[in-house]
């Protein structure tokens, strides 16, 4: 089953403000979440229910998986120094 990918307003804005080369790398990784929502290398964030992160170079994608609705919600996207603030 394929999961539907959705972006929060914040994640959408953060994604659009990145350079196009970085956007392409992140987009391919985000698209792969539709088939495998918890791929090898993803980590569950401690202290927060249902949030995961994947690394793409120096950038991080923070997302939630809603298994009952088959949705991957991208919550935040940013450089590793800033994304956890």
PDB file of N, CA and C in Angstrom:
ATOM      1  N   UNK A   1       0.831  -1.183   0.000  1.00  0.00           N
ATOM      2  CA  UNK A   1       0.000   0.000   0.000  1.00  0.00           C
ATOM      3  C   UNK A   1       0.875   1.246   0.000  1.00  0.00           C
ATOM      4  N   UNK A   2       0.459   2.220  -0.755  1.00  0.00           N
ATOM      5  CA  UNK A   2       1.191   3.475  -0.818  1.00  0.00           C
ATOM      6  C   UNK A   2       0.634   4.475   0.189  1.00  0.00           C
ATOM      7  N   UNK A   3       1.537   5.152   0.838  1.00  0.00           N
ATOM      8  CA  UNK A   3       1.162   6.222   1.752  1.00  0.00           C
ATOM      9  C   UNK A   3       1.085   7.526   0.968  1.00  0.00           C
ATOM     10  N   UNK A   4       0.176   8.389   1.365  1.00  0.00           N
ATOM     11  CA  UNK A   4       0.055   9.708   0.753  1.00  0.00           C
ATOM     12  C   UNK A   4       0.988  10.660   1.503  1.00  0.00           C
ATOM     13  N   UNK A   5       1.716  11.494   0.773  1.00  0.00           N
ATOM     14  CA  UNK A   5       2.633  12.456   1.378  1.00  0.00           C
ATOM     15  C   UNK A   5       1.933  13.804   1.495  1.00  0.00           C
ATOM     16  N   UNK A   6       1.952  14.375   2.701  1.00  0.00           N
ATOM     17  CA  UNK A   6       1.388  15.706   2.928  1.00  0.00           C
ATOM     18  C   UNK A   6       2.425  16.558   3.645  1.00  0.00           C
ATOM     19  N   UNK A   7       2.370  17.863   3.407  1.00  0.00           N
ATOM     20  CA  UNK A   7       3.287  18.808   4.032  1.00  0.00           C
ATOM     21  C   UNK A   7       2.510  19.731   4.958  1.00  0.00           C
ATOM     22  N   UNK A   8       3.076  20.011   6.124  1.00  0.00           N
ATOM     23  CA  UNK A   8       2.512  21.069   6.959  1.00  0.00           C
ATOM     24  C   UNK A   8       2.837  22.401   6.285  1.00  0.00           C
ATOM     25  N   UNK A   9       2.155  23.456   6.682  1.00  0.00           N
ATOM     26  CA  UNK A   9       2.443  24.782   6.103  1.00  0.00           C
ATOM     27  C   UNK A   9       3.899  25.167   6.322  1.00  0.00           C
ATOM     28  N   UNK A  10       4.382  24.905   7.533  1.00  0.00           N
ATOM     29  CA  UNK A  10       5.757  25.251   7.878  1.00  0.00           C
ATOM     30  C   UNK A  10       6.745  24.474   7.007  1.00  0.00           C
ATOM     31  N   UNK A  11       6.534  23.179   6.849  1.00  0.00           N
ATOM     32  CA  UNK A  11       7.436  22.354   6.043  1.00  0.00           C
ATOM     33  C   UNK A  11       7.406  22.781   4.584  1.00  0.00           C
ATOM     34  N   UNK A  12       6.230  23.117   4.082  1.00  0.00           N
ATOM     35  CA  UNK A  12       6.113  23.561   2.696  1.00  0.00           C
ATOM     36  C   UNK A  12       6.898  24.855   2.475  1.00  0.00           C
ATOM     37  N   UNK A  13       6.779  25.771   3.396  1.00  0.00           N
ATOM     38  CA  UNK A  13       7.491  27.050   3.302  1.00  0.00           C
ATOM     39  C   UNK A  13       9.007  26.822   3.408  1.00  0.00           C
ATOM     40  N   UNK A  14       9.415  25.969   4.341  1.00  0.00           N
ATOM     41  CA  UNK A  14      10.837  25.678   4.504  1.00  0.00           C
ATOM     42  C   UNK A  14      11.404  25.029   3.247  1.00  0.00           C
ATOM     43  N   UNK A  15      10.650  24.119   2.650  1.00  0.00           N
ATOM     44  CA  UNK A  15      11.095  23.425   1.443  1.00  0.00           C
ATOM     45  C   UNK A  15      11.270  24.413   0.287  1.00  0.00           C
ATOM     46  N   UNK A  16      10.305  25.292   0.089  1.00  0.00           N
ATOM     47  CA  UNK A  16      10.362  26.252  -1.020  1.00  0.00           C
ATOM     48  C   UNK A  16      11.496  27.258  -0.879  1.00  0.00           C
ATOM     49  N   UNK A  17      11.955  27.510   0.342  1.00  0.00           N
ATOM     50  CA  UNK A  17      13.034  28.473   0.567  1.00  0.00           C
ATOM     51  C   UNK A  17      14.431  27.880   0.392  1.00  0.00           C
ATOM     52  N   UNK A  18      14.527  26.590   0.140  1.00  0.00           N
ATOM     53  CA  UNK A  18      15.828  25.942  -0.040  1.00  0.00           C
ATOM     54  C   UNK A  18      16.300  26.061  -1.484  1.00  0.00           C
ATOM     55  N   UNK A  19      17.618  25.973  -1.714  1.00  0.00           N
ATOM     56  CA  UNK A  19      18.135  25.972  -3.089  1.00  0.00           C
ATOM     57  C   UNK A  19      17.588  24.775  -3.871  1.00  0.00           C
ATOM     58  N   UNK A  20      17.427  24.940  -5.179  1.00  0.00           N
ATOM     59  CA  UNK A  20      16.792  23.900  -5.999  1.00  0.00           C
ATOM     60  C   UNK A  20      17.554  22.578  -5.975  1.00  0.00           C
ATOM     61  N   UNK A  21      18.869  22.627  -5.877  1.00  0.00           N
ATOM     62  CA  UNK A  21      19.649  21.386  -5.832  1.00  0.00           C
ATOM     63  C   UNK A  21      19.319  20.589  -4.564  1.00  0.00           C
ATOM     64  N   UNK A  22      19.200  21.273  -3.445  1.00  0.00           N
ATOM     65  CA  UNK A  22      18.831  20.625  -2.181  1.00  0.00           C
ATOM     66  C   UNK A  22      17.390  20.133  -2.264  1.00  0.00           C
ATOM     67  N   UNK A  23      16.502  20.925  -2.862  1.00  0.00           N
ATOM     68  CA  UNK A  23      15.106  20.518  -3.014  1.00  0.00           C
ATOM     69  C   UNK A  23      14.997  19.196  -3.762  1.00  0.00           C
ATOM     70  N   UNK A  24      15.772  19.026  -4.815  1.00  0.00           N
ATOM     71  CA  UNK A  24      15.713  17.794  -5.603  1.00  0.00           C
ATOM     72  C   UNK A  24      16.123  16.586  -4.771  1.00  0.00           C
ATOM     73  N   UNK A  25      17.192  16.732  -3.989  1.00  0.00           N
ATOM     74  CA  UNK A  25      17.643  15.622  -3.140  1.00  0.00           C
ATOM     75  C   UNK A  25      16.589  15.269  -2.097  1.00  0.00           C
ATOM     76  N   UNK A  26      16.021  16.307  -1.469  1.00  0.00           N
ATOM     77  CA  UNK A  26      15.004  16.077  -0.446  1.00  0.00           C
ATOM     78  C   UNK A  26      13.738  15.484  -1.051  1.00  0.00           C
ATOM     79  N   UNK A  27      13.341  15.977  -2.220  1.00  0.00           N
ATOM     80  CA  UNK A  27      12.111  15.499  -2.870  1.00  0.00           C
ATOM     81  C   UNK A  27      12.185  14.010  -3.161  1.00  0.00           C
ATOM     82  N   UNK A  28      13.320  13.541  -3.668  1.00  0.00           N
ATOM     83  CA  UNK A  28      13.429  12.113  -3.968  1.00  0.00           C
ATOM     84  C   UNK A  28      13.344  11.281  -2.694  1.00  0.00           C
ATOM     85  N   UNK A  29      13.918  11.791  -1.607  1.00  0.00           N
ATOM     86  CA  UNK A  29      13.861  11.058  -0.336  1.00  0.00           C
ATOM     87  C   UNK A  29      12.443  11.077   0.236  1.00  0.00           C
ATOM     88  N   UNK A  30      11.764  12.217   0.129  1.00  0.00           N
ATOM     89  CA  UNK A  30      10.384  12.325   0.617  1.00  0.00           C
ATOM     90  C   UNK A  30       9.463  11.417  -0.190  1.00  0.00           C
ATOM     91  N   UNK A  31       9.637  11.393  -1.509  1.00  0.00           N
ATOM     92  CA  UNK A  31       8.809  10.530  -2.357  1.00  0.00           C
ATOM     93  C   UNK A  31       8.979   9.059  -2.001  1.00  0.00           C
ATOM     94  N   UNK A  32      10.180   8.669  -1.591  1.00  0.00           N
ATOM     95  CA  UNK A  32      10.411   7.267  -1.232  1.00  0.00           C
ATOM     96  C   UNK A  32       9.666   6.873   0.045  1.00  0.00           C
ATOM     97  N   UNK A  33       9.262   7.863   0.854  1.00  0.00           N
ATOM     98  CA  UNK A  33       8.506   7.568   2.077  1.00  0.00           C
ATOM     99  C   UNK A  33       7.116   7.019   1.772  1.00  0.00           C
ATOM    100  N   UNK A  34       6.611   7.244   0.563  1.00  0.00           N
ATOM    101  CA  UNK A  34       5.276   6.745   0.222  1.00  0.00           C
ATOM    102  C   UNK A  34       5.252   5.221   0.154  1.00  0.00           C
ATOM    103  N   UNK A  35       6.369   4.600  -0.169  1.00  0.00           N
ATOM    104  CA  UNK A  35       6.416   3.135  -0.213  1.00  0.00           C
ATOM    105  C   UNK A  35       6.975   2.544   1.073  1.00  0.00           C
ATOM    106  N   UNK A  36       7.914   3.251   1.698  1.00  0.00           N
ATOM    107  CA  UNK A  36       8.529   2.773   2.933  1.00  0.00           C
ATOM    108  C   UNK A  36       8.562   3.919   3.933  1.00  0.00           C
ATOM    109  N   UNK A  37       7.535   4.076   4.757  1.00  0.00           N
ATOM    110  CA  UNK A  37       7.462   5.233   5.651  1.00  0.00           C
ATOM    111  C   UNK A  37       8.520   5.252   6.761  1.00  0.00           C
ATOM    112  N   UNK A  38       9.075   4.107   7.088  1.00  0.00           N
ATOM    113  CA  UNK A  38      10.143   4.056   8.096  1.00  0.00           C
ATOM    114  C   UNK A  38      11.344   3.327   7.500  1.00  0.00           C
ATOM    115  N   UNK A  39      12.060   3.980   6.571  1.00  0.00           N
ATOM    116  CA  UNK A  39      13.173   3.316   5.892  1.00  0.00           C
ATOM    117  C   UNK A  39      14.362   3.105   6.818  1.00  0.00           C
ATOM    118  N   UNK A  40      15.294   2.286   6.366  1.00  0.00           N
ATOM    119  CA  UNK A  40      16.535   2.077   7.104  1.00  0.00           C
ATOM    120  C   UNK A  40      17.230   3.426   7.268  1.00  0.00           C
ATOM    121  N   UNK A  41      17.649   3.741   8.455  1.00  0.00           N
ATOM    122  CA  UNK A  41      18.296   5.026   8.708  1.00  0.00           C
ATOM    123  C   UNK A  41      17.381   6.057   9.336  1.00  0.00           C
ATOM    124  N   UNK A  42      16.072   5.803   9.308  1.00  0.00           N
ATOM    125  CA  UNK A  42      15.166   6.745   9.972  1.00  0.00           C
ATOM    126  C   UNK A  42      15.204   6.460  11.468  1.00  0.00           C
ATOM    127  N   UNK A  43      15.016   7.498  12.256  1.00  0.00           N
ATOM    128  CA  UNK A  43      15.025   7.330  13.708  1.00  0.00           C
ATOM    129  C   UNK A  43      13.808   8.000  14.312  1.00  0.00           C
ATOM    130  N   UNK A  44      13.238   7.334  15.302  1.00  0.00           N
ATOM    131  CA  UNK A  44      12.120   7.912  16.039  1.00  0.00           C
ATOM    132  C   UNK A  44      12.687   8.958  16.986  1.00  0.00           C
ATOM    133  N   UNK A  45      12.076  10.126  17.015  1.00  0.00           N
ATOM    134  CA  UNK A  45      12.544  11.187  17.900  1.00  0.00           C
ATOM    135  C   UNK A  45      12.101  10.902  19.326  1.00  0.00           C
ATOM    136  N   UNK A  46      13.018  11.043  20.254  1.00  0.00           N
ATOM    137  CA  UNK A  46      12.686  10.768  21.649  1.00  0.00           C
ATOM    138  C   UNK A  46      11.890  11.929  22.236  1.00  0.00           C
ATOM    139  N   UNK A  47      10.970  11.596  23.099  1.00  0.00           N
ATOM    140  CA  UNK A  47      10.173  12.609  23.770  1.00  0.00           C
ATOM    141  C   UNK A  47       8.994  13.132  22.978  1.00  0.00           C
ATOM    142  N   UNK A  48       8.821  12.643  21.754  1.00  0.00           N
ATOM    143  CA  UNK A  48       7.719  13.109  20.910  1.00  0.00           C
ATOM    144  C   UNK A  48       7.044  11.885  20.297  1.00  0.00           C
ATOM    145  N   UNK A  49       5.737  11.781  20.448  1.00  0.00           N
ATOM    146  CA  UNK A  49       5.026  10.637  19.881  1.00  0.00           C
ATOM    147  C   UNK A  49       4.969  10.712  18.370  1.00  0.00           C
ATOM    148  N   UNK A  50       5.245   9.599  17.743  1.00  0.00           N
ATOM    149  CA  UNK A  50       5.031   9.401  16.308  1.00  0.00           C
ATOM    150  C   UNK A  50       5.845  10.296  15.384  1.00  0.00           C
ATOM    151  N   UNK A  51       6.915  10.932  15.850  1.00  0.00           N
ATOM    152  CA  UNK A  51       7.748  11.732  14.958  1.00  0.00           C
ATOM    153  C   UNK A  51       9.037  10.992  14.646  1.00  0.00           C
ATOM    154  N   UNK A  52       9.411  11.038  13.384  1.00  0.00           N
ATOM    155  CA  UNK A  52      10.626  10.393  12.907  1.00  0.00           C
ATOM    156  C   UNK A  52      11.473  11.421  12.182  1.00  0.00           C
ATOM    157  N   UNK A  53      12.748  11.070  11.975  1.00  0.00           N
ATOM    158  CA  UNK A  53      13.606  11.935  11.182  1.00  0.00           C
ATOM    159  C   UNK A  53      14.464  11.089  10.265  1.00  0.00           C
ATOM    160  N   UNK A  54      14.734  11.652   9.096  1.00  0.00           N
ATOM    161  CA  UNK A  54      15.699  11.041   8.193  1.00  0.00           C
ATOM    162  C   UNK A  54      16.705  12.109   7.805  1.00  0.00           C
ATOM    163  N   UNK A  55      17.924  11.655   7.568  1.00  0.00           N
ATOM    164  CA  UNK A  55      19.004  12.563   7.202  1.00  0.00           C
ATOM    165  C   UNK A  55      19.194  12.550   5.697  1.00  0.00           C
ATOM    166  N   UNK A  56      19.415  13.726   5.156  1.00  0.00           N
ATOM    167  CA  UNK A  56      19.764  13.877   3.745  1.00  0.00           C
ATOM    168  C   UNK A  56      20.916  14.871   3.729  1.00  0.00           C
ATOM    169  N   UNK A  57      22.134  14.364   3.797  1.00  0.00           N
ATOM    170  CA  UNK A  57      23.299  15.237   3.920  1.00  0.00           C
ATOM    171  C   UNK A  57      23.232  15.991   5.229  1.00  0.00           C
ATOM    172  N   UNK A  58      23.340  17.302   5.164  1.00  0.00           N
ATOM    173  CA  UNK A  58      23.263  18.138   6.367  1.00  0.00           C
ATOM    174  C   UNK A  58      21.838  18.555   6.697  1.00  0.00           C
ATOM    175  N   UNK A  59      20.879  18.067   5.947  1.00  0.00           N
ATOM    176  CA  UNK A  59      19.477  18.438   6.145  1.00  0.00           C
ATOM    177  C   UNK A  59      18.710  17.303   6.805  1.00  0.00           C
ATOM    178  N   UNK A  60      17.639  17.676   7.505  1.00  0.00           N
ATOM    179  CA  UNK A  60      16.802  16.708   8.196  1.00  0.00           C
ATOM    180  C   UNK A  60      15.354  16.902   7.772  1.00  0.00           C
ATOM    181  N   UNK A  61      14.664  15.781   7.653  1.00  0.00           N
ATOM    182  CA  UNK A  61      13.230  15.787   7.370  1.00  0.00           C
ATOM    183  C   UNK A  61      12.556  15.196   8.603  1.00  0.00           C
ATOM    184  N   UNK A  62      11.708  15.965   9.242  1.00  0.00           N
ATOM    185  CA  UNK A  62      10.959  15.508  10.413  1.00  0.00           C
ATOM    186  C   UNK A  62       9.542  15.209   9.937  1.00  0.00           C
ATOM    187  N   UNK A  63       9.052  14.009  10.244  1.00  0.00           N
ATOM    188  CA  UNK A  63       7.741  13.624   9.731  1.00  0.00           C
ATOM    189  C   UNK A  63       7.018  12.699  10.699  1.00  0.00           C
ATOM    190  N   UNK A  64       5.717  12.606  10.510  1.00  0.00           N
ATOM    191  CA  UNK A  64       4.861  11.725  11.303  1.00  0.00           C
ATOM    192  C   UNK A  64       4.212  10.720  10.368  1.00  0.00           C
ATOM    193  N   UNK A  65       3.982   9.516  10.875  1.00  0.00           N
ATOM    194  CA  UNK A  65       3.336   8.468  10.092  1.00  0.00           C
ATOM    195  C   UNK A  65       1.989   8.158  10.731  1.00  0.00           C
ATOM    196  N   UNK A  66       0.939   8.267   9.929  1.00  0.00           N
ATOM    197  CA  UNK A  66      -0.408   7.915  10.386  1.00  0.00           C
ATOM    198  C   UNK A  66      -0.808   6.634   9.670  1.00  0.00           C
ATOM    199  N   UNK A  67      -0.525   5.494  10.299  1.00  0.00           N
ATOM    200  CA  UNK A  67      -0.775   4.193   9.670  1.00  0.00           C
ATOM    201  C   UNK A  67      -2.250   3.937   9.404  1.00  0.00           C
ATOM    202  N   UNK A  68      -3.116   4.409  10.289  1.00  0.00           N
ATOM    203  CA  UNK A  68      -4.549   4.146  10.112  1.00  0.00           C
ATOM    204  C   UNK A  68      -5.125   4.870   8.897  1.00  0.00           C
ATOM    205  N   UNK A  69      -4.516   6.004   8.487  1.00  0.00           N
ATOM    206  CA  UNK A  69      -4.994   6.760   7.325  1.00  0.00           C
ATOM    207  C   UNK A  69      -4.045   6.667   6.136  1.00  0.00           C
ATOM    208  N   UNK A  70      -2.924   5.945   6.303  1.00  0.00           N
ATOM    209  CA  UNK A  70      -1.902   5.805   5.262  1.00  0.00           C
ATOM    210  C   UNK A  70      -1.387   7.166   4.793  1.00  0.00           C
ATOM    211  N   UNK A  71      -0.961   7.977   5.763  1.00  0.00           N
ATOM    212  CA  UNK A  71      -0.451   9.317   5.471  1.00  0.00           C
ATOM    213  C   UNK A  71       0.915   9.500   6.130  1.00  0.00           C
ATOM    214  N   UNK A  72       1.833  10.104   5.384  1.00  0.00           N
ATOM    215  CA  UNK A  72       3.100  10.576   5.932  1.00  0.00           C
ATOM    216  C   UNK A  72       3.024  12.095   5.911  1.00  0.00           C
ATOM    217  N   UNK A  73       3.057  12.708   7.087  1.00  0.00           N
ATOM    218  CA  UNK A  73       2.962  14.160   7.204  1.00  0.00           C
ATOM    219  C   UNK A  73       4.349  14.724   7.479  1.00  0.00           C
ATOM    220  N   UNK A  74       4.887  15.475   6.527  1.00  0.00           N
ATOM    221  CA  UNK A  74       6.182  16.130   6.703  1.00  0.00           C
ATOM    222  C   UNK A  74       5.940  17.379   7.542  1.00  0.00           C
ATOM    223  N   UNK A  75       6.577  17.425   8.712  1.00  0.00           N
ATOM    224  CA  UNK A  75       6.328  18.485   9.682  1.00  0.00           C
ATOM    225  C   UNK A  75       7.343  19.617   9.562  1.00  0.00           C
ATOM    226  N   UNK A  76       8.628  19.269   9.427  1.00  0.00           N
ATOM    227  CA  UNK A  76       9.692  20.272   9.340  1.00  0.00           C
ATOM    228  C   UNK A  76      10.775  19.787   8.400  1.00  0.00           C
ATOM    229  N   UNK A  77      11.427  20.733   7.743  1.00  0.00           N
ATOM    230  CA  UNK A  77      12.574  20.450   6.893  1.00  0.00           C
ATOM    231  C   UNK A  77      13.589  21.550   7.152  1.00  0.00           C
ATOM    232  N   UNK A  78      14.841  21.173   7.389  1.00  0.00           N
ATOM    233  CA  UNK A  78      15.837  22.213   7.591  1.00  0.00           C
ATOM    234  C   UNK A  78      17.221  21.669   7.812  1.00  0.00           C
ATOM    235  N   UNK A  79      18.162  22.584   7.939  1.00  0.00           N
ATOM    236  CA  UNK A  79      19.545  22.230   8.215  1.00  0.00           C
ATOM    237  C   UNK A  79      19.624  21.628   9.608  1.00  0.00           C
ATOM    238  N   UNK A  80      20.544  20.720   9.793  1.00  0.00           N
ATOM    239  CA  UNK A  80      20.625  19.994  11.063  1.00  0.00           C
ATOM    240  C   UNK A  80      20.835  20.906  12.268  1.00  0.00           C
ATOM    241  N   UNK A  81      21.452  22.074  12.076  1.00  0.00           N
ATOM    242  CA  UNK A  81      21.670  23.009  13.187  1.00  0.00           C
ATOM    243  C   UNK A  81      20.392  23.706  13.615  1.00  0.00           C
ATOM    244  N   UNK A  82      19.416  23.792  12.714  1.00  0.00           N
ATOM    245  CA  UNK A  82      18.234  24.608  12.985  1.00  0.00           C
ATOM    246  C   UNK A  82      16.938  23.825  13.129  1.00  0.00           C
ATOM    247  N   UNK A  83      16.885  22.623  12.611  1.00  0.00           N
ATOM    248  CA  UNK A  83      15.601  21.925  12.499  1.00  0.00           C
ATOM    249  C   UNK A  83      15.021  21.491  13.847  1.00  0.00           C
ATOM    250  N   UNK A  84      15.853  21.278  14.847  1.00  0.00           N
ATOM    251  CA  UNK A  84      15.353  20.788  16.131  1.00  0.00           C
ATOM    252  C   UNK A  84      14.951  21.910  17.082  1.00  0.00           C
ATOM    253  N   UNK A  85      15.084  23.155  16.682  1.00  0.00           N
ATOM    254  CA  UNK A  85      14.739  24.295  17.550  1.00  0.00           C
ATOM    255  C   UNK A  85      13.263  24.543  17.569  1.00  0.00           C
TER     256      UNK A  85
END
